[in-house]
Amino acid sequence: MISILPLRRAGPIGVDIGSNSVKLLQLSADRRQVLESVCWELPRGEDGLPVRTEETILQSLCRARQARHFRGREAVLALGVEELFIQNLRIPENKAESLEKLICNEASSRLPFEAAEAEIRFLQTEPVRQADTVRLEVILLACRRPIIQQKVALAEKAGLIPVALEPQPMALLRCYSKQYRRESDQQRRTMYVHIGASTSTVLIARGNDLMFIKPIAWGGRSLDEAVAQHIQMSLPEASALRRHHGDRRADQRDPEVSQAILEAVRPMWDRLANELAMCTRYFSVTFRGEPLSGLVLGG
């Protein structure tokens, strides 16, 4: 008897246009297997920084897709934290008005751009006590429509069919929750720190539920710039030195180089530690009860 197995279906292509590279990833339809992935570096200018014009991003996106065997054209586009306005809000309980209307009214006075051109979403966390009242703590996420339209148009020029846009913090938590999915993990309050090239993201979640998001203007480039300034070399050379030195086994590293890199980056790591301490302090004061039980560092 001959058994004919059905072809494995593929999910949409995940597209993340970062400050240094274009990343594409495709999972199987059941999200259990990575079918294809690629990280394509953007071209660099004379100053050693990535050239992020629409043309260079489009070319990199097309080349990244052609370099691998991605299936189909449907794509989910990531909205990076640098493209979002993110803020925790405390909304008074008001049964006479919908929560969405209350948040939109509150957001209009806080957004750094016109509310009329904003796409606004929010995540409800937990009730918090402020003085003698109980308020709703929500996370506001807003993005300017021109940014969304430009990203969609760019993907269409590359031959893709955008089917959704996903804020990066949501995608990050979904990724981690796939790994930490035991029943005991669902009640733990964990801090996730995702280090990007130019911006890092701090998430605090209870299981699959986000409770806090904070973008930090700090990333791998900050470390490269610190090394370049300390050792007096160009930015590309400092980036290559830090990367190749870190890839070597500890017993094969030059002690003088290790010491020079350590001296250069220690103030940068101290800065990150201070940022994380402030995030922890805000979270502990706002959400009293169970303390943070873990830290996951990635990116």
C-alpha atoms as a PDB file:
ATOM      1  CA  MET A   1       0.000   0.000   0.000  1.00  0.00           C
ATOM      2  CA  ILE A   2       1.395   3.401  -0.993  1.00  0.00           C
ATOM      3  CA  SER A   3       0.807   6.298   1.384  1.00  0.00           C
ATOM      4  CA  ILE A   4       0.770   9.779  -0.125  1.00  0.00           C
ATOM      5  CA  LEU A   5       1.803  12.334   2.488  1.00  0.00           C
ATOM      6  CA  PRO A   6       0.462  15.872   2.207  1.00  0.00           C
ATOM      7  CA  LEU A   7       2.952  18.597   1.377  1.00  0.00           C
ATOM      8  CA  ARG A   8       4.095  20.638   4.352  1.00  0.00           C
ATOM      9  CA  ARG A   9       2.448  24.019   4.253  1.00  0.00           C
ATOM     10  CA  ALA A  10       4.382  27.156   5.098  1.00  0.00           C
ATOM     11  CA  GLY A  11       3.403  30.175   7.118  1.00  0.00           C
ATOM     12  CA  PRO A  12       3.980  33.764   5.991  1.00  0.00           C
ATOM     13  CA  ILE A  13       7.494  35.189   5.758  1.00  0.00           C
ATOM     14  CA  GLY A  14       8.462  37.247   8.795  1.00  0.00           C
ATOM     15  CA  VAL A  15      10.278  40.430   7.740  1.00  0.00           C
ATOM     16  CA  ASP A  16      12.317  42.569  10.146  1.00  0.00           C
ATOM     17  CA  ILE A  17      14.083  45.620   8.708  1.00  0.00           C
ATOM     18  CA  GLY A  18      16.621  46.596  11.355  1.00  0.00           C
ATOM     19  CA  SER A  19      19.193  49.355  11.587  1.00  0.00           C
ATOM     20  CA  ASN A  20      22.028  47.052  10.452  1.00  0.00           C
ATOM     21  CA  SER A  21      20.379  44.293   8.468  1.00  0.00           C
ATOM     22  CA  VAL A  22      17.264  42.800   6.918  1.00  0.00           C
ATOM     23  CA  LYS A  23      16.113  39.548   8.524  1.00  0.00           C
ATOM     24  CA  LEU A  24      13.635  37.071   7.059  1.00  0.00           C
ATOM     25  CA  LEU A  25      12.275  33.922   8.681  1.00  0.00           C
ATOM     26  CA  GLN A  26       9.600  31.430   7.669  1.00  0.00           C
ATOM     27  CA  LEU A  27       8.000  28.790   9.863  1.00  0.00           C
ATOM     28  CA  SER A  28       5.903  25.818   8.919  1.00  0.00           C
ATOM     29  CA  ALA A  29       2.159  26.383   9.073  1.00  0.00           C
ATOM     30  CA  ASP A  30       1.971  24.731  12.513  1.00  0.00           C
ATOM     31  CA  ARG A  31       4.859  26.966  13.756  1.00  0.00           C
ATOM     32  CA  ARG A  32       6.865  23.951  14.897  1.00  0.00           C
ATOM     33  CA  GLN A  33       9.717  24.127  12.422  1.00  0.00           C
ATOM     34  CA  VAL A  34      11.888  26.808  10.842  1.00  0.00           C
ATOM     35  CA  LEU A  35      11.723  26.298   7.078  1.00  0.00           C
ATOM     36  CA  GLU A  36      14.044  29.116   6.008  1.00  0.00           C
ATOM     37  CA  SER A  37      15.862  32.124   7.422  1.00  0.00           C
ATOM     38  CA  VAL A  38      18.428  34.721   6.401  1.00  0.00           C
ATOM     39  CA  CYS A  39      20.119  37.804   7.838  1.00  0.00           C
ATOM     40  CA  TRP A  40      21.292  40.187   5.085  1.00  0.00           C
ATOM     41  CA  GLU A  41      23.615  43.012   6.088  1.00  0.00           C
ATOM     42  CA  LEU A  42      22.862  46.471   4.717  1.00  0.00           C
ATOM     43  CA  PRO A  43      25.679  48.095   2.680  1.00  0.00           C
ATOM     44  CA  ARG A  44      27.899  50.480   4.626  1.00  0.00           C
ATOM     45  CA  GLY A  45      29.013  53.966   3.775  1.00  0.00           C
ATOM     46  CA  GLU A  46      32.441  55.545   4.126  1.00  0.00           C
ATOM     47  CA  ASP A  47      31.738  56.312   7.783  1.00  0.00           C
ATOM     48  CA  GLY A  48      31.200  52.613   8.472  1.00  0.00           C
ATOM     49  CA  LEU A  49      27.499  53.043   9.210  1.00  0.00           C
ATOM     50  CA  PRO A  50      24.747  51.191   7.309  1.00  0.00           C
ATOM     51  CA  VAL A  51      23.235  53.062   4.375  1.00  0.00           C
ATOM     52  CA  ARG A  52      19.485  53.054   5.085  1.00  0.00           C
ATOM     53  CA  THR A  53      18.000  54.655   1.996  1.00  0.00           C
ATOM     54  CA  GLU A  54      14.808  53.217   0.515  1.00  0.00           C
ATOM     55  CA  GLU A  55      16.778  51.894  -2.457  1.00  0.00           C
ATOM     56  CA  THR A  56      19.429  50.064  -0.384  1.00  0.00           C
ATOM     57  CA  ILE A  57      16.783  48.546   1.903  1.00  0.00           C
ATOM     58  CA  LEU A  58      14.721  47.419  -1.100  1.00  0.00           C
ATOM     59  CA  GLN A  59      17.749  45.843  -2.790  1.00  0.00           C
ATOM     60  CA  SER A  60      18.780  44.096   0.434  1.00  0.00           C
ATOM     61  CA  LEU A  61      15.256  42.788   0.965  1.00  0.00           C
ATOM     62  CA  CYS A  62      15.069  41.393  -2.574  1.00  0.00           C
ATOM     63  CA  ARG A  63      18.525  39.814  -2.376  1.00  0.00           C
ATOM     64  CA  ALA A  64      17.831  38.293   1.031  1.00  0.00           C
ATOM     65  CA  ARG A  65      14.652  36.680  -0.274  1.00  0.00           C
ATOM     66  CA  GLN A  66      16.317  35.415  -3.446  1.00  0.00           C
ATOM     67  CA  ALA A  67      19.249  33.959  -1.512  1.00  0.00           C
ATOM     68  CA  ARG A  68      17.038  31.349   0.167  1.00  0.00           C
ATOM     69  CA  HIS A  69      14.116  29.121  -0.758  1.00  0.00           C
ATOM     70  CA  PHE A  70      11.225  30.997   0.821  1.00  0.00           C
ATOM     71  CA  ARG A  71       7.769  29.746  -0.062  1.00  0.00           C
ATOM     72  CA  GLY A  72       4.971  32.026  -1.188  1.00  0.00           C
ATOM     73  CA  ARG A  73       4.780  35.799  -1.032  1.00  0.00           C
ATOM     74  CA  GLU A  74       2.684  36.519   2.061  1.00  0.00           C
ATOM     75  CA  ALA A  75       4.614  38.439   4.706  1.00  0.00           C
ATOM     76  CA  VAL A  76       4.224  39.686   8.275  1.00  0.00           C
ATOM     77  CA  LEU A  77       6.161  42.938   8.776  1.00  0.00           C
ATOM     78  CA  ALA A  78       7.771  43.855  12.087  1.00  0.00           C
ATOM     79  CA  LEU A  79       7.363  47.318  13.583  1.00  0.00           C
ATOM     80  CA  GLY A  80      10.548  48.074  15.503  1.00  0.00           C
ATOM     81  CA  VAL A  81      10.463  49.842  18.864  1.00  0.00           C
ATOM     82  CA  GLU A  82      12.163  52.878  17.292  1.00  0.00           C
ATOM     83  CA  GLU A  83       9.106  53.198  15.017  1.00  0.00           C
ATOM     84  CA  LEU A  84       6.652  53.016  17.920  1.00  0.00           C
ATOM     85  CA  PHE A  85       5.614  55.339  20.698  1.00  0.00           C
ATOM     86  CA  ILE A  86       5.354  53.174  23.824  1.00  0.00           C
ATOM     87  CA  GLN A  87       4.218  54.331  27.237  1.00  0.00           C
ATOM     88  CA  ASN A  88       2.549  52.894  30.327  1.00  0.00           C
ATOM     89  CA  LEU A  89      -0.664  54.749  31.212  1.00  0.00           C
ATOM     90  CA  ARG A  90      -2.904  54.695  34.269  1.00  0.00           C
ATOM     91  CA  ILE A  91      -6.538  55.104  33.328  1.00  0.00           C
ATOM     92  CA  PRO A  92      -9.286  55.810  35.876  1.00  0.00           C
ATOM     93  CA  GLU A  93     -12.089  53.283  35.849  1.00  0.00           C
ATOM     94  CA  ASN A  94     -15.125  54.777  34.134  1.00  0.00           C
ATOM     95  CA  LYS A  95     -18.033  52.505  33.310  1.00  0.00           C
ATOM     96  CA  ALA A  96     -19.743  55.273  31.347  1.00  0.00           C
ATOM     97  CA  GLU A  97     -17.062  55.293  28.621  1.00  0.00           C
ATOM     98  CA  SER A  98     -15.304  52.502  26.774  1.00  0.00           C
ATOM     99  CA  LEU A  99     -11.695  51.766  27.665  1.00  0.00           C
ATOM    100  CA  GLU A 100     -10.640  52.368  24.061  1.00  0.00           C
ATOM    101  CA  LYS A 101     -12.135  55.867  24.074  1.00  0.00           C
ATOM    102  CA  LEU A 102     -10.491  56.715  27.407  1.00  0.00           C
ATOM    103  CA  ILE A 103      -7.090  55.593  26.138  1.00  0.00           C
ATOM    104  CA  CYS A 104      -7.426  57.504  22.854  1.00  0.00           C
ATOM    105  CA  ASN A 105      -8.303  60.667  24.784  1.00  0.00           C
ATOM    106  CA  GLU A 106      -5.328  60.187  27.090  1.00  0.00           C
ATOM    107  CA  ALA A 107      -2.995  59.371  24.193  1.00  0.00           C
ATOM    108  CA  SER A 108      -3.870  62.543  22.271  1.00  0.00           C
ATOM    109  CA  SER A 109      -2.117  64.658  24.901  1.00  0.00           C
ATOM    110  CA  ARG A 110       0.953  62.415  25.139  1.00  0.00           C
ATOM    111  CA  LEU A 111       1.810  61.489  21.559  1.00  0.00           C
ATOM    112  CA  PRO A 112       4.800  63.324  20.017  1.00  0.00           C
ATOM    113  CA  PHE A 113       2.848  63.560  16.749  1.00  0.00           C
ATOM    114  CA  GLU A 114      -0.709  64.341  15.702  1.00  0.00           C
ATOM    115  CA  ALA A 115      -3.223  61.822  17.028  1.00  0.00           C
ATOM    116  CA  ALA A 116      -5.131  62.051  13.735  1.00  0.00           C
ATOM    117  CA  GLU A 117      -2.248  60.375  11.888  1.00  0.00           C
ATOM    118  CA  ALA A 118      -1.654  57.666  14.504  1.00  0.00           C
ATOM    119  CA  GLU A 119      -2.592  54.013  14.631  1.00  0.00           C
ATOM    120  CA  ILE A 120      -3.195  53.309  18.324  1.00  0.00           C
ATOM    121  CA  ARG A 121      -3.266  49.959  20.084  1.00  0.00           C
ATOM    122  CA  PHE A 122      -3.062  49.077  23.765  1.00  0.00           C
ATOM    123  CA  LEU A 123      -2.460  46.165  26.121  1.00  0.00           C
ATOM    124  CA  GLN A 124      -4.323  45.960  29.413  1.00  0.00           C
ATOM    125  CA  THR A 125      -2.141  44.715  32.274  1.00  0.00           C
ATOM    126  CA  GLU A 126      -3.390  44.707  35.874  1.00  0.00           C
ATOM    127  CA  PRO A 127      -5.303  47.108  38.152  1.00  0.00           C
ATOM    128  CA  VAL A 128      -2.893  49.166  40.283  1.00  0.00           C
ATOM    129  CA  ARG A 129      -3.491  51.213  43.411  1.00  0.00           C
ATOM    130  CA  GLN A 130      -2.686  54.922  43.259  1.00  0.00           C
ATOM    131  CA  ALA A 131      -3.269  56.722  46.547  1.00  0.00           C
ATOM    132  CA  ASP A 132      -6.823  55.732  47.553  1.00  0.00           C
ATOM    133  CA  THR A 133      -8.020  54.789  44.075  1.00  0.00           C
ATOM    134  CA  VAL A 134      -7.593  51.803  41.796  1.00  0.00           C
ATOM    135  CA  ARG A 135      -6.603  52.518  38.207  1.00  0.00           C
ATOM    136  CA  LEU A 136      -6.069  50.401  35.122  1.00  0.00           C
ATOM    137  CA  GLU A 137      -2.470  50.101  33.971  1.00  0.00           C
ATOM    138  CA  VAL A 138      -2.289  49.840  30.191  1.00  0.00           C
ATOM    139  CA  ILE A 139       0.568  49.864  27.688  1.00  0.00           C
ATOM    140  CA  LEU A 140       0.029  52.312  24.849  1.00  0.00           C
ATOM    141  CA  LEU A 141       1.533  51.472  21.440  1.00  0.00           C
ATOM    142  CA  ALA A 142       1.178  54.013  18.636  1.00  0.00           C
ATOM    143  CA  CYS A 143       2.720  54.353  15.195  1.00  0.00           C
ATOM    144  CA  ARG A 144       2.436  57.098  12.583  1.00  0.00           C
ATOM    145  CA  ARG A 145       0.450  55.974   9.546  1.00  0.00           C
ATOM    146  CA  PRO A 146       3.087  57.270   7.060  1.00  0.00           C
ATOM    147  CA  ILE A 147       5.601  54.855   8.605  1.00  0.00           C
ATOM    148  CA  ILE A 148       3.179  51.964   8.162  1.00  0.00           C
ATOM    149  CA  GLN A 149       2.324  52.984   4.607  1.00  0.00           C
ATOM    150  CA  GLN A 150       6.002  53.314   3.675  1.00  0.00           C
ATOM    151  CA  LYS A 151       6.816  49.876   5.112  1.00  0.00           C
ATOM    152  CA  VAL A 152       3.896  48.229   3.301  1.00  0.00           C
ATOM    153  CA  ALA A 153       4.802  49.940  -0.001  1.00  0.00           C
ATOM    154  CA  LEU A 154       8.432  48.806   0.341  1.00  0.00           C
ATOM    155  CA  ALA A 155       7.385  45.187   0.898  1.00  0.00           C
ATOM    156  CA  GLU A 156       5.069  45.318  -2.132  1.00  0.00           C
ATOM    157  CA  LYS A 157       7.892  46.677  -4.296  1.00  0.00           C
ATOM    158  CA  ALA A 158       9.941  43.657  -3.201  1.00  0.00           C
ATOM    159  CA  GLY A 159       7.201  41.350  -4.485  1.00  0.00           C
ATOM    160  CA  LEU A 160       5.719  40.496  -1.099  1.00  0.00           C
ATOM    161  CA  ILE A 161       2.069  40.574  -0.019  1.00  0.00           C
ATOM    162  CA  PRO A 162       1.810  42.104   3.478  1.00  0.00           C
ATOM    163  CA  VAL A 163      -0.885  40.368   5.522  1.00  0.00           C
ATOM    164  CA  ALA A 164      -0.105  41.808   8.979  1.00  0.00           C
ATOM    165  CA  LEU A 165       2.137  44.130  10.953  1.00  0.00           C
ATOM    166  CA  GLU A 166       3.516  42.987  14.286  1.00  0.00           C
ATOM    167  CA  PRO A 167       5.029  45.227  17.005  1.00  0.00           C
ATOM    168  CA  GLN A 168       8.449  43.876  17.899  1.00  0.00           C
ATOM    169  CA  PRO A 169       7.723  43.513  21.653  1.00  0.00           C
ATOM    170  CA  MET A 170       4.781  41.206  20.921  1.00  0.00           C
ATOM    171  CA  ALA A 171       6.876  39.061  18.591  1.00  0.00           C
ATOM    172  CA  LEU A 172       9.687  38.841  21.140  1.00  0.00           C
ATOM    173  CA  LEU A 173       7.398  37.675  23.930  1.00  0.00           C
ATOM    174  CA  ARG A 174       5.755  35.106  21.665  1.00  0.00           C
ATOM    175  CA  CYS A 175       9.210  33.765  20.808  1.00  0.00           C
ATOM    176  CA  TYR A 176      10.249  33.440  24.451  1.00  0.00           C
ATOM    177  CA  SER A 177       6.889  32.031  25.578  1.00  0.00           C
ATOM    178  CA  LYS A 178       7.363  29.149  23.137  1.00  0.00           C
ATOM    179  CA  GLN A 179      10.388  28.134  25.180  1.00  0.00           C
ATOM    180  CA  TYR A 180       9.084  28.954  28.661  1.00  0.00           C
ATOM    181  CA  ARG A 181       5.684  27.302  28.415  1.00  0.00           C
ATOM    182  CA  ARG A 182       5.514  25.105  31.521  1.00  0.00           C
ATOM    183  CA  GLU A 183       2.606  25.706  33.864  1.00  0.00           C
ATOM    184  CA  SER A 184       4.953  27.081  36.517  1.00  0.00           C
ATOM    185  CA  ASP A 185       6.358  29.599  33.978  1.00  0.00           C
ATOM    186  CA  GLN A 186       2.899  31.130  33.461  1.00  0.00           C
ATOM    187  CA  GLN A 187       2.918  32.659  36.949  1.00  0.00           C
ATOM    188  CA  ARG A 188       6.523  33.850  36.948  1.00  0.00           C
ATOM    189  CA  ARG A 189       7.335  37.505  36.416  1.00  0.00           C
ATOM    190  CA  THR A 190      10.349  37.603  34.111  1.00  0.00           C
ATOM    191  CA  MET A 191      12.396  40.419  32.604  1.00  0.00           C
ATOM    192  CA  TYR A 192      13.485  39.930  28.989  1.00  0.00           C
ATOM    193  CA  VAL A 193      16.253  42.152  27.597  1.00  0.00           C
ATOM    194  CA  HIS A 194      16.629  42.100  23.821  1.00  0.00           C
ATOM    195  CA  ILE A 195      19.806  43.847  22.647  1.00  0.00           C
ATOM    196  CA  GLY A 196      19.585  45.272  19.130  1.00  0.00           C
ATOM    197  CA  ALA A 197      22.129  47.075  16.998  1.00  0.00           C
ATOM    198  CA  SER A 198      21.031  50.598  17.952  1.00  0.00           C
ATOM    199  CA  THR A 199      18.064  50.109  20.311  1.00  0.00           C
ATOM    200  CA  SER A 200      17.374  47.539  23.002  1.00  0.00           C
ATOM    201  CA  THR A 201      14.005  46.486  24.400  1.00  0.00           C
ATOM    202  CA  VAL A 202      13.109  45.629  27.985  1.00  0.00           C
ATOM    203  CA  LEU A 203      10.015  43.494  28.528  1.00  0.00           C
ATOM    204  CA  ILE A 204       8.516  42.338  31.803  1.00  0.00           C
ATOM    205  CA  ALA A 205       5.858  39.668  31.541  1.00  0.00           C
ATOM    206  CA  ARG A 206       3.887  37.254  33.661  1.00  0.00           C
ATOM    207  CA  GLY A 207       3.822  34.142  31.543  1.00  0.00           C
ATOM    208  CA  ASN A 208       2.369  35.196  28.169  1.00  0.00           C
ATOM    209  CA  ASP A 209       1.029  38.526  29.436  1.00  0.00           C
ATOM    210  CA  LEU A 210       3.081  41.682  28.904  1.00  0.00           C
ATOM    211  CA  MET A 211       3.145  44.065  31.855  1.00  0.00           C
ATOM    212  CA  PHE A 212       5.902  46.531  30.945  1.00  0.00           C
ATOM    213  CA  ILE A 213       7.790  47.641  27.802  1.00  0.00           C
ATOM    214  CA  LYS A 214      10.718  50.072  27.695  1.00  0.00           C
ATOM    215  CA  PRO A 215      12.867  50.878  24.621  1.00  0.00           C
ATOM    216  CA  ILE A 216      16.435  51.937  25.453  1.00  0.00           C
ATOM    217  CA  ALA A 217      18.659  53.898  23.074  1.00  0.00           C
ATOM    218  CA  TRP A 218      21.532  51.483  23.629  1.00  0.00           C
ATOM    219  CA  GLY A 219      22.792  48.558  21.573  1.00  0.00           C
ATOM    220  CA  GLY A 220      25.672  46.727  19.972  1.00  0.00           C
ATOM    221  CA  ARG A 221      26.701  49.855  18.093  1.00  0.00           C
ATOM    222  CA  SER A 222      27.212  51.634  21.431  1.00  0.00           C
ATOM    223  CA  LEU A 223      29.771  48.968  22.347  1.00  0.00           C
ATOM    224  CA  ASP A 224      31.481  49.220  18.942  1.00  0.00           C
ATOM    225  CA  GLU A 225      31.718  53.017  19.230  1.00  0.00           C
ATOM    226  CA  ALA A 226      33.184  52.722  22.725  1.00  0.00           C
ATOM    227  CA  VAL A 227      35.855  50.288  21.503  1.00  0.00           C
ATOM    228  CA  ALA A 228      36.622  52.463  18.461  1.00  0.00           C
ATOM    229  CA  GLN A 229      37.143  55.530  20.631  1.00  0.00           C
ATOM    230  CA  HIS A 230      39.150  53.716  23.314  1.00  0.00           C
ATOM    231  CA  ILE A 231      41.541  51.908  20.952  1.00  0.00           C
ATOM    232  CA  GLN A 232      41.585  54.686  18.323  1.00  0.00           C
ATOM    233  CA  MET A 233      40.374  52.709  15.317  1.00  0.00           C
ATOM    234  CA  SER A 234      37.569  53.001  12.764  1.00  0.00           C
ATOM    235  CA  LEU A 235      34.063  51.824  13.591  1.00  0.00           C
ATOM    236  CA  PRO A 236      34.125  48.851  11.133  1.00  0.00           C
ATOM    237  CA  GLU A 237      37.486  47.732  12.535  1.00  0.00           C
ATOM    238  CA  ALA A 238      36.197  47.978  16.115  1.00  0.00           C
ATOM    239  CA  SER A 239      33.069  46.014  15.215  1.00  0.00           C
ATOM    240  CA  ALA A 240      35.130  43.277  13.536  1.00  0.00           C
ATOM    241  CA  LEU A 241      37.589  43.154  16.448  1.00  0.00           C
ATOM    242  CA  ARG A 242      34.848  42.804  19.047  1.00  0.00           C
ATOM    243  CA  ARG A 243      32.987  40.162  17.025  1.00  0.00           C
ATOM    244  CA  HIS A 244      35.986  37.994  16.106  1.00  0.00           C
ATOM    245  CA  HIS A 245      37.505  38.295  19.576  1.00  0.00           C
ATOM    246  CA  GLY A 246      34.248  37.141  21.158  1.00  0.00           C
ATOM    247  CA  ASP A 247      34.013  34.167  18.797  1.00  0.00           C
ATOM    248  CA  ARG A 248      37.345  32.771  19.966  1.00  0.00           C
ATOM    249  CA  ARG A 249      37.759  30.352  22.840  1.00  0.00           C
ATOM    250  CA  ALA A 250      38.890  31.966  26.084  1.00  0.00           C
ATOM    251  CA  ASP A 251      42.319  30.286  25.952  1.00  0.00           C
ATOM    252  CA  GLN A 252      42.917  31.646  22.435  1.00  0.00           C
ATOM    253  CA  ARG A 253      42.181  35.306  23.158  1.00  0.00           C
ATOM    254  CA  ASP A 254      44.916  37.925  23.399  1.00  0.00           C
ATOM    255  CA  PRO A 255      44.937  39.105  27.063  1.00  0.00           C
ATOM    256  CA  GLU A 256      45.861  42.685  26.102  1.00  0.00           C
ATOM    257  CA  VAL A 257      43.031  42.883  23.572  1.00  0.00           C
ATOM    258  CA  SER A 258      40.605  41.393  26.092  1.00  0.00           C
ATOM    259  CA  GLN A 259      41.616  43.980  28.687  1.00  0.00           C
ATOM    260  CA  ALA A 260      41.331  46.864  26.210  1.00  0.00           C
ATOM    261  CA  ILE A 261      37.844  45.786  25.101  1.00  0.00           C
ATOM    262  CA  LEU A 262      36.730  45.284  28.705  1.00  0.00           C
ATOM    263  CA  GLU A 263      37.898  48.761  29.724  1.00  0.00           C
ATOM    264  CA  ALA A 264      36.136  50.276  26.710  1.00  0.00           C
ATOM    265  CA  VAL A 265      32.740  48.614  27.147  1.00  0.00           C
ATOM    266  CA  ARG A 266      32.443  48.563  30.955  1.00  0.00           C
ATOM    267  CA  PRO A 267      30.866  52.086  31.131  1.00  0.00           C
ATOM    268  CA  MET A 268      28.364  51.031  28.447  1.00  0.00           C
ATOM    269  CA  TRP A 269      27.343  47.932  30.404  1.00  0.00           C
ATOM    270  CA  ASP A 270      27.067  50.047  33.553  1.00  0.00           C
ATOM    271  CA  ARG A 271      24.674  52.328  31.685  1.00  0.00           C
ATOM    272  CA  LEU A 272      22.508  49.358  30.695  1.00  0.00           C
ATOM    273  CA  ALA A 273      22.547  48.073  34.272  1.00  0.00           C
ATOM    274  CA  ASN A 274      21.310  51.466  35.517  1.00  0.00           C
ATOM    275  CA  GLU A 275      18.496  51.446  32.943  1.00  0.00           C
ATOM    276  CA  LEU A 276      17.433  47.960  34.022  1.00  0.00           C
ATOM    277  CA  ALA A 277      17.514  49.007  37.674  1.00  0.00           C
ATOM    278  CA  MET A 278      15.117  51.882  36.917  1.00  0.00           C
ATOM    279  CA  CYS A 279      12.788  49.521  35.025  1.00  0.00           C
ATOM    280  CA  THR A 280      12.824  47.115  37.968  1.00  0.00           C
ATOM    281  CA  ARG A 281      12.110  49.941  40.398  1.00  0.00           C
ATOM    282  CA  TYR A 282       9.124  51.195  38.395  1.00  0.00           C
ATOM    283  CA  PHE A 283       7.734  47.686  38.053  1.00  0.00           C
ATOM    284  CA  SER A 284       8.152  46.871  41.750  1.00  0.00           C
ATOM    285  CA  VAL A 285       6.380  50.058  42.838  1.00  0.00           C
ATOM    286  CA  THR A 286       3.579  49.695  40.279  1.00  0.00           C
ATOM    287  CA  PHE A 287       2.872  45.952  40.474  1.00  0.00           C
ATOM    288  CA  ARG A 288       3.252  44.969  44.072  1.00  0.00           C
ATOM    289  CA  GLY A 289       3.178  41.338  45.051  1.00  0.00           C
ATOM    290  CA  GLU A 290       5.319  38.704  43.419  1.00  0.00           C
ATOM    291  CA  PRO A 291       8.846  40.012  42.654  1.00  0.00           C
ATOM    292  CA  LEU A 292      10.750  39.424  39.434  1.00  0.00           C
ATOM    293  CA  SER A 293      11.953  35.840  39.351  1.00  0.00           C
ATOM    294  CA  GLY A 294      14.253  35.785  36.355  1.00  0.00           C
ATOM    295  CA  LEU A 295      16.215  37.669  33.702  1.00  0.00           C
ATOM    296  CA  VAL A 296      16.642  36.499  30.104  1.00  0.00           C
ATOM    297  CA  LEU A 297      19.248  38.271  27.989  1.00  0.00           C
ATOM    298  CA  GLY A 298      19.088  37.902  24.198  1.00  0.00           C
ATOM    299  CA  GLY A 299      19.353  39.650  20.866  1.00  0.00           C
END
